[in-house]
Amino acid sequence: MRIIFPLLLAGVFLVGVIGKLLPEEWIRTWLGGGSLRASFLATLIGAISYFATMTEAPFVDTLMKLGMGSGPGLALLLTGPGLSLPNWLAIARVFGVRKAAVYVGTIMVLGTAVGWFFGNFIFAR
């Protein structure tokens, strides 16, 4: 509790600051709807960002309030925990660059596909 709670507070504060600084227009343009591009960009954000699980949900919630689509939101939630830049480096060090590239590519393709599918067929309004 002593370790996690301050990190959670700092993460939620940072999410709030990011939510105020990002223009809604950008989020709607790049991450809105259920397009393949929006799902890919959300997957890419999840893949290079390092979010603690406790701050990832508030971050996605903030982006969705700014106009992010449900499918891209799901893509970001799926790829965030399983893929991050530190994660890439650890996998490459342990298993080798080739296997890490396959892993990263697979997660990117699957995250994008799932975000697109759910955004267009399951969450479609």
N, C-alpha and C. Protein backbone atom coordinates (compact mmCIF):
# COMPACT_ATOMS: atom_id res chain seq x y z
N MET A 1 0.83 -1.19 0.00
CA MET A 1 0.00 0.00 0.00
C MET A 1 0.87 1.26 0.00
N ARG A 2 1.93 1.25 0.78
CA ARG A 2 2.80 2.43 0.84
C ARG A 2 3.51 2.69 -0.48
N ILE A 3 3.80 1.64 -1.21
CA ILE A 3 4.50 1.79 -2.48
C ILE A 3 3.51 2.12 -3.60
N ILE A 4 2.41 1.42 -3.64
CA ILE A 4 1.47 1.54 -4.76
C ILE A 4 0.64 2.82 -4.71
N PHE A 5 0.15 3.20 -3.55
CA PHE A 5 -0.75 4.35 -3.45
C PHE A 5 -0.14 5.65 -3.97
N PRO A 6 1.10 6.01 -3.60
CA PRO A 6 1.67 7.24 -4.16
C PRO A 6 1.85 7.17 -5.69
N LEU A 7 2.20 5.99 -6.19
CA LEU A 7 2.33 5.83 -7.64
C LEU A 7 0.97 5.99 -8.32
N LEU A 8 -0.05 5.44 -7.71
CA LEU A 8 -1.40 5.58 -8.26
C LEU A 8 -1.83 7.04 -8.29
N LEU A 9 -1.60 7.74 -7.20
CA LEU A 9 -1.95 9.16 -7.16
C LEU A 9 -1.19 9.95 -8.22
N ALA A 10 0.09 9.70 -8.34
CA ALA A 10 0.90 10.41 -9.34
C ALA A 10 0.42 10.08 -10.75
N GLY A 11 0.11 8.82 -10.99
CA GLY A 11 -0.37 8.42 -12.31
C GLY A 11 -1.71 9.04 -12.67
N VAL A 12 -2.63 9.04 -11.74
CA VAL A 12 -3.95 9.63 -11.99
C VAL A 12 -3.82 11.14 -12.18
N PHE A 13 -2.95 11.78 -11.40
CA PHE A 13 -2.71 13.21 -11.58
C PHE A 13 -2.16 13.48 -12.98
N LEU A 14 -1.20 12.68 -13.42
CA LEU A 14 -0.61 12.84 -14.74
C LEU A 14 -1.65 12.63 -15.84
N VAL A 15 -2.53 11.65 -15.65
CA VAL A 15 -3.61 11.41 -16.61
C VAL A 15 -4.52 12.63 -16.70
N GLY A 16 -4.84 13.23 -15.56
CA GLY A 16 -5.67 14.43 -15.55
C GLY A 16 -5.02 15.59 -16.28
N VAL A 17 -3.72 15.76 -16.08
CA VAL A 17 -2.99 16.84 -16.77
C VAL A 17 -2.99 16.58 -18.28
N ILE A 18 -2.71 15.36 -18.67
CA ILE A 18 -2.71 15.02 -20.10
C ILE A 18 -4.10 15.25 -20.70
N GLY A 19 -5.15 14.88 -19.94
CA GLY A 19 -6.51 15.08 -20.42
C GLY A 19 -6.85 16.54 -20.65
N LYS A 20 -6.28 17.42 -19.86
CA LYS A 20 -6.53 18.86 -20.04
C LYS A 20 -5.68 19.46 -21.16
N LEU A 21 -4.51 18.90 -21.40
CA LEU A 21 -3.61 19.46 -22.41
C LEU A 21 -3.92 18.99 -23.83
N LEU A 22 -4.43 17.78 -23.96
CA LEU A 22 -4.71 17.25 -25.30
C LEU A 22 -5.99 17.86 -25.87
N PRO A 23 -5.92 18.41 -27.07
CA PRO A 23 -7.14 18.94 -27.69
C PRO A 23 -8.10 17.81 -28.10
N GLU A 24 -9.37 17.98 -27.78
CA GLU A 24 -10.38 16.98 -28.14
C GLU A 24 -10.38 16.70 -29.64
N GLU A 25 -10.13 17.73 -30.42
CA GLU A 25 -10.13 17.59 -31.88
C GLU A 25 -9.10 16.56 -32.33
N TRP A 26 -7.93 16.57 -31.71
CA TRP A 26 -6.88 15.60 -32.07
C TRP A 26 -7.34 14.17 -31.77
N ILE A 27 -7.92 14.00 -30.60
CA ILE A 27 -8.35 12.66 -30.19
C ILE A 27 -9.44 12.16 -31.12
N ARG A 28 -10.42 13.01 -31.42
CA ARG A 28 -11.50 12.60 -32.33
C ARG A 28 -10.97 12.28 -33.72
N THR A 29 -10.03 13.09 -34.20
CA THR A 29 -9.48 12.89 -35.54
C THR A 29 -8.68 11.61 -35.64
N TRP A 30 -7.80 11.37 -34.68
CA TRP A 30 -6.86 10.25 -34.79
C TRP A 30 -7.33 8.97 -34.13
N LEU A 31 -8.14 9.07 -33.07
CA LEU A 31 -8.53 7.88 -32.32
C LEU A 31 -10.05 7.69 -32.25
N GLY A 32 -10.81 8.56 -32.90
CA GLY A 32 -12.26 8.46 -32.86
C GLY A 32 -12.79 7.38 -33.79
N GLY A 33 -13.97 6.93 -33.52
CA GLY A 33 -14.61 5.94 -34.37
C GLY A 33 -14.01 4.55 -34.20
N GLY A 34 -14.20 3.73 -35.20
CA GLY A 34 -13.72 2.35 -35.14
C GLY A 34 -12.86 1.98 -36.32
N SER A 35 -12.22 2.97 -36.93
CA SER A 35 -11.43 2.68 -38.12
C SER A 35 -10.19 1.85 -37.80
N LEU A 36 -9.65 1.24 -38.82
CA LEU A 36 -8.43 0.45 -38.68
C LEU A 36 -7.27 1.35 -38.26
N ARG A 37 -7.22 2.56 -38.81
CA ARG A 37 -6.16 3.50 -38.45
C ARG A 37 -6.23 3.88 -36.97
N ALA A 38 -7.43 4.15 -36.47
CA ALA A 38 -7.60 4.52 -35.07
C ALA A 38 -7.19 3.37 -34.15
N SER A 39 -7.58 2.16 -34.52
CA SER A 39 -7.20 0.99 -33.71
C SER A 39 -5.69 0.76 -33.75
N PHE A 40 -5.08 0.95 -34.92
CA PHE A 40 -3.63 0.79 -35.01
C PHE A 40 -2.90 1.84 -34.17
N LEU A 41 -3.35 3.09 -34.24
CA LEU A 41 -2.70 4.14 -33.46
C LEU A 41 -2.85 3.89 -31.96
N ALA A 42 -4.02 3.41 -31.54
CA ALA A 42 -4.22 3.09 -30.12
C ALA A 42 -3.32 1.93 -29.72
N THR A 43 -3.19 0.94 -30.59
CA THR A 43 -2.29 -0.17 -30.32
C THR A 43 -0.85 0.31 -30.22
N LEU A 44 -0.47 1.22 -31.10
CA LEU A 44 0.88 1.77 -31.09
C LEU A 44 1.14 2.55 -29.80
N ILE A 45 0.16 3.33 -29.36
CA ILE A 45 0.30 4.07 -28.09
C ILE A 45 0.50 3.08 -26.93
N GLY A 46 -0.32 2.03 -26.92
CA GLY A 46 -0.18 1.02 -25.88
C GLY A 46 1.14 0.29 -25.95
N ALA A 47 1.65 0.11 -27.16
CA ALA A 47 2.88 -0.66 -27.35
C ALA A 47 4.13 0.09 -26.93
N ILE A 48 4.14 1.39 -27.05
CA ILE A 48 5.35 2.14 -26.69
C ILE A 48 5.26 2.81 -25.33
N SER A 49 4.07 2.87 -24.77
CA SER A 49 3.89 3.53 -23.48
C SER A 49 4.04 2.53 -22.35
N TYR A 50 4.49 3.01 -21.23
CA TYR A 50 4.57 2.16 -20.05
C TYR A 50 3.57 2.69 -19.03
N PHE A 51 2.47 1.97 -18.89
CA PHE A 51 1.43 2.35 -17.94
C PHE A 51 1.32 1.26 -16.90
N ALA A 52 1.22 1.68 -15.67
CA ALA A 52 0.83 0.72 -14.64
C ALA A 52 -0.64 0.40 -14.90
N THR A 53 -1.05 -0.80 -14.59
CA THR A 53 -2.43 -1.21 -14.84
C THR A 53 -3.41 -0.28 -14.14
N MET A 54 -3.02 0.23 -13.00
CA MET A 54 -3.92 1.10 -12.23
C MET A 54 -4.13 2.45 -12.90
N THR A 55 -3.18 2.90 -13.71
CA THR A 55 -3.33 4.20 -14.37
C THR A 55 -3.79 4.06 -15.81
N GLU A 56 -3.71 2.87 -16.35
CA GLU A 56 -4.12 2.66 -17.74
C GLU A 56 -5.63 2.87 -17.91
N ALA A 57 -6.41 2.33 -17.01
CA ALA A 57 -7.87 2.47 -17.13
C ALA A 57 -8.31 3.94 -17.04
N PRO A 58 -7.82 4.73 -16.08
CA PRO A 58 -8.19 6.15 -16.08
C PRO A 58 -7.70 6.89 -17.33
N PHE A 59 -6.54 6.50 -17.86
CA PHE A 59 -6.02 7.13 -19.08
C PHE A 59 -6.95 6.86 -20.26
N VAL A 60 -7.35 5.61 -20.43
CA VAL A 60 -8.27 5.26 -21.53
C VAL A 60 -9.62 5.93 -21.32
N ASP A 61 -10.10 5.98 -20.09
CA ASP A 61 -11.36 6.65 -19.79
C ASP A 61 -11.28 8.13 -20.17
N THR A 62 -10.18 8.78 -19.84
CA THR A 62 -9.99 10.19 -20.19
C THR A 62 -10.00 10.37 -21.71
N LEU A 63 -9.28 9.50 -22.41
CA LEU A 63 -9.25 9.60 -23.88
C LEU A 63 -10.63 9.34 -24.48
N MET A 64 -11.38 8.41 -23.91
CA MET A 64 -12.72 8.15 -24.43
C MET A 64 -13.66 9.33 -24.19
N LYS A 65 -13.48 10.02 -23.08
CA LYS A 65 -14.28 11.22 -22.83
C LYS A 65 -13.92 12.34 -23.80
N LEU A 66 -12.69 12.28 -24.32
CA LEU A 66 -12.25 13.28 -25.30
C LEU A 66 -12.60 12.89 -26.73
N GLY A 67 -13.20 11.71 -26.93
CA GLY A 67 -13.65 11.32 -28.25
C GLY A 67 -13.04 10.06 -28.83
N MET A 68 -12.26 9.34 -28.06
CA MET A 68 -11.70 8.08 -28.55
C MET A 68 -12.80 7.05 -28.70
N GLY A 69 -12.73 6.26 -29.77
CA GLY A 69 -13.72 5.23 -30.00
C GLY A 69 -13.56 4.05 -29.05
N SER A 70 -14.61 3.26 -28.92
CA SER A 70 -14.58 2.10 -28.03
C SER A 70 -13.61 1.03 -28.51
N GLY A 71 -13.57 0.79 -29.81
CA GLY A 71 -12.65 -0.20 -30.35
C GLY A 71 -11.20 0.16 -30.11
N PRO A 72 -10.78 1.39 -30.46
CA PRO A 72 -9.41 1.80 -30.15
C PRO A 72 -9.12 1.78 -28.64
N GLY A 73 -10.12 2.10 -27.83
CA GLY A 73 -9.93 2.04 -26.38
C GLY A 73 -9.63 0.62 -25.93
N LEU A 74 -10.35 -0.34 -26.50
CA LEU A 74 -10.10 -1.73 -26.18
C LEU A 74 -8.71 -2.15 -26.66
N ALA A 75 -8.34 -1.70 -27.85
CA ALA A 75 -7.01 -2.03 -28.39
C ALA A 75 -5.91 -1.52 -27.46
N LEU A 76 -6.07 -0.31 -26.96
CA LEU A 76 -5.07 0.25 -26.05
C LEU A 76 -5.05 -0.53 -24.74
N LEU A 77 -6.21 -0.89 -24.22
CA LEU A 77 -6.26 -1.67 -22.98
C LEU A 77 -5.64 -3.06 -23.14
N LEU A 78 -5.80 -3.64 -24.31
CA LEU A 78 -5.24 -4.97 -24.56
C LEU A 78 -3.72 -4.94 -24.72
N THR A 79 -3.22 -3.96 -25.44
CA THR A 79 -1.79 -3.95 -25.74
C THR A 79 -0.96 -3.32 -24.64
N GLY A 80 -1.53 -2.42 -23.86
CA GLY A 80 -0.77 -1.74 -22.82
C GLY A 80 -0.06 -2.67 -21.84
N PRO A 81 -0.78 -3.61 -21.23
CA PRO A 81 -0.12 -4.47 -20.24
C PRO A 81 0.87 -5.48 -20.86
N GLY A 82 0.57 -5.95 -22.04
CA GLY A 82 1.42 -6.99 -22.63
C GLY A 82 2.56 -6.48 -23.46
N LEU A 83 2.56 -5.20 -23.73
CA LEU A 83 3.56 -4.66 -24.63
C LEU A 83 3.88 -3.23 -24.24
N SER A 84 5.14 -2.99 -23.96
CA SER A 84 5.62 -1.63 -23.68
C SER A 84 7.08 -1.60 -24.09
N LEU A 85 7.62 -0.44 -24.23
CA LEU A 85 9.01 -0.34 -24.66
C LEU A 85 9.96 -1.09 -23.72
N PRO A 86 9.82 -0.95 -22.39
CA PRO A 86 10.68 -1.76 -21.52
C PRO A 86 10.46 -3.26 -21.70
N ASN A 87 9.20 -3.63 -21.97
CA ASN A 87 8.86 -5.03 -22.22
C ASN A 87 9.56 -5.54 -23.48
N TRP A 88 9.57 -4.73 -24.54
CA TRP A 88 10.25 -5.11 -25.79
C TRP A 88 11.71 -5.43 -25.51
N LEU A 89 12.35 -4.53 -24.75
CA LEU A 89 13.78 -4.70 -24.47
C LEU A 89 14.05 -5.94 -23.63
N ALA A 90 13.22 -6.20 -22.65
CA ALA A 90 13.40 -7.39 -21.82
C ALA A 90 13.21 -8.66 -22.63
N ILE A 91 12.20 -8.70 -23.47
CA ILE A 91 11.95 -9.88 -24.30
C ILE A 91 13.11 -10.10 -25.27
N ALA A 92 13.60 -9.02 -25.87
CA ALA A 92 14.71 -9.13 -26.81
C ALA A 92 15.97 -9.64 -26.10
N ARG A 93 16.19 -9.17 -24.90
CA ARG A 93 17.38 -9.60 -24.16
C ARG A 93 17.30 -11.08 -23.78
N VAL A 94 16.12 -11.52 -23.35
CA VAL A 94 15.98 -12.91 -22.89
C VAL A 94 15.85 -13.89 -24.06
N PHE A 95 15.01 -13.55 -25.05
CA PHE A 95 14.71 -14.49 -26.12
C PHE A 95 15.38 -14.19 -27.45
N GLY A 96 15.97 -13.01 -27.57
CA GLY A 96 16.60 -12.62 -28.82
C GLY A 96 15.75 -11.64 -29.60
N VAL A 97 16.41 -10.90 -30.46
CA VAL A 97 15.73 -9.84 -31.21
C VAL A 97 14.69 -10.41 -32.18
N ARG A 98 15.01 -11.50 -32.81
CA ARG A 98 14.09 -12.08 -33.79
C ARG A 98 12.76 -12.51 -33.15
N LYS A 99 12.84 -13.21 -32.03
CA LYS A 99 11.62 -13.65 -31.35
C LYS A 99 10.86 -12.45 -30.77
N ALA A 100 11.60 -11.46 -30.32
CA ALA A 100 10.94 -10.24 -29.81
C ALA A 100 10.19 -9.53 -30.93
N ALA A 101 10.78 -9.47 -32.11
CA ALA A 101 10.12 -8.83 -33.26
C ALA A 101 8.84 -9.57 -33.63
N VAL A 102 8.88 -10.89 -33.59
CA VAL A 102 7.68 -11.68 -33.89
C VAL A 102 6.61 -11.42 -32.82
N TYR A 103 7.02 -11.39 -31.57
CA TYR A 103 6.08 -11.14 -30.48
C TYR A 103 5.43 -9.76 -30.62
N VAL A 104 6.26 -8.74 -30.82
CA VAL A 104 5.75 -7.37 -30.95
C VAL A 104 4.82 -7.26 -32.16
N GLY A 105 5.23 -7.82 -33.28
CA GLY A 105 4.38 -7.78 -34.48
C GLY A 105 3.05 -8.48 -34.29
N THR A 106 3.10 -9.63 -33.64
CA THR A 106 1.87 -10.40 -33.39
C THR A 106 0.91 -9.62 -32.50
N ILE A 107 1.42 -9.05 -31.42
CA ILE A 107 0.57 -8.28 -30.51
C ILE A 107 0.01 -7.05 -31.21
N MET A 108 0.83 -6.40 -32.04
CA MET A 108 0.36 -5.21 -32.77
C MET A 108 -0.78 -5.59 -33.74
N VAL A 109 -0.59 -6.65 -34.49
CA VAL A 109 -1.61 -7.07 -35.46
C VAL A 109 -2.89 -7.50 -34.74
N LEU A 110 -2.74 -8.32 -33.71
CA LEU A 110 -3.92 -8.79 -32.99
C LEU A 110 -4.64 -7.66 -32.26
N GLY A 111 -3.90 -6.77 -31.63
CA GLY A 111 -4.53 -5.63 -30.95
C GLY A 111 -5.30 -4.75 -31.92
N THR A 112 -4.69 -4.49 -33.07
CA THR A 112 -5.36 -3.67 -34.09
C THR A 112 -6.62 -4.36 -34.61
N ALA A 113 -6.50 -5.65 -34.91
CA ALA A 113 -7.65 -6.41 -35.44
C ALA A 113 -8.79 -6.49 -34.44
N VAL A 114 -8.47 -6.77 -33.20
CA VAL A 114 -9.51 -6.87 -32.17
C VAL A 114 -10.18 -5.51 -31.95
N GLY A 115 -9.38 -4.44 -31.89
CA GLY A 115 -9.94 -3.10 -31.73
C GLY A 115 -10.85 -2.73 -32.88
N TRP A 116 -10.41 -3.02 -34.10
CA TRP A 116 -11.23 -2.72 -35.28
C TRP A 116 -12.52 -3.54 -35.27
N PHE A 117 -12.40 -4.86 -35.03
CA PHE A 117 -13.58 -5.74 -35.05
C PHE A 117 -14.60 -5.32 -34.00
N PHE A 118 -14.15 -5.15 -32.78
CA PHE A 118 -15.09 -4.80 -31.72
C PHE A 118 -15.64 -3.40 -31.90
N GLY A 119 -14.83 -2.49 -32.43
CA GLY A 119 -15.30 -1.12 -32.67
C GLY A 119 -16.36 -1.04 -33.74
N ASN A 120 -16.30 -1.96 -34.70
CA ASN A 120 -17.26 -1.91 -35.81
C ASN A 120 -18.42 -2.87 -35.69
N PHE A 121 -18.26 -3.97 -34.96
CA PHE A 121 -19.31 -4.98 -34.93
C PHE A 121 -19.91 -5.22 -33.55
N ILE A 122 -19.18 -5.00 -32.51
CA ILE A 122 -19.69 -5.29 -31.17
C ILE A 122 -20.12 -3.99 -30.47
N PHE A 123 -19.25 -2.98 -30.49
CA PHE A 123 -19.54 -1.72 -29.80
C PHE A 123 -20.24 -0.71 -30.69
N ALA A 124 -20.49 -1.04 -31.95
CA ALA A 124 -21.10 -0.08 -32.88
C ALA A 124 -22.49 0.31 -32.36
N ARG A 125 -22.72 1.60 -32.43
CA ARG A 125 -23.99 2.11 -31.89
C ARG A 125 -25.05 2.13 -32.94
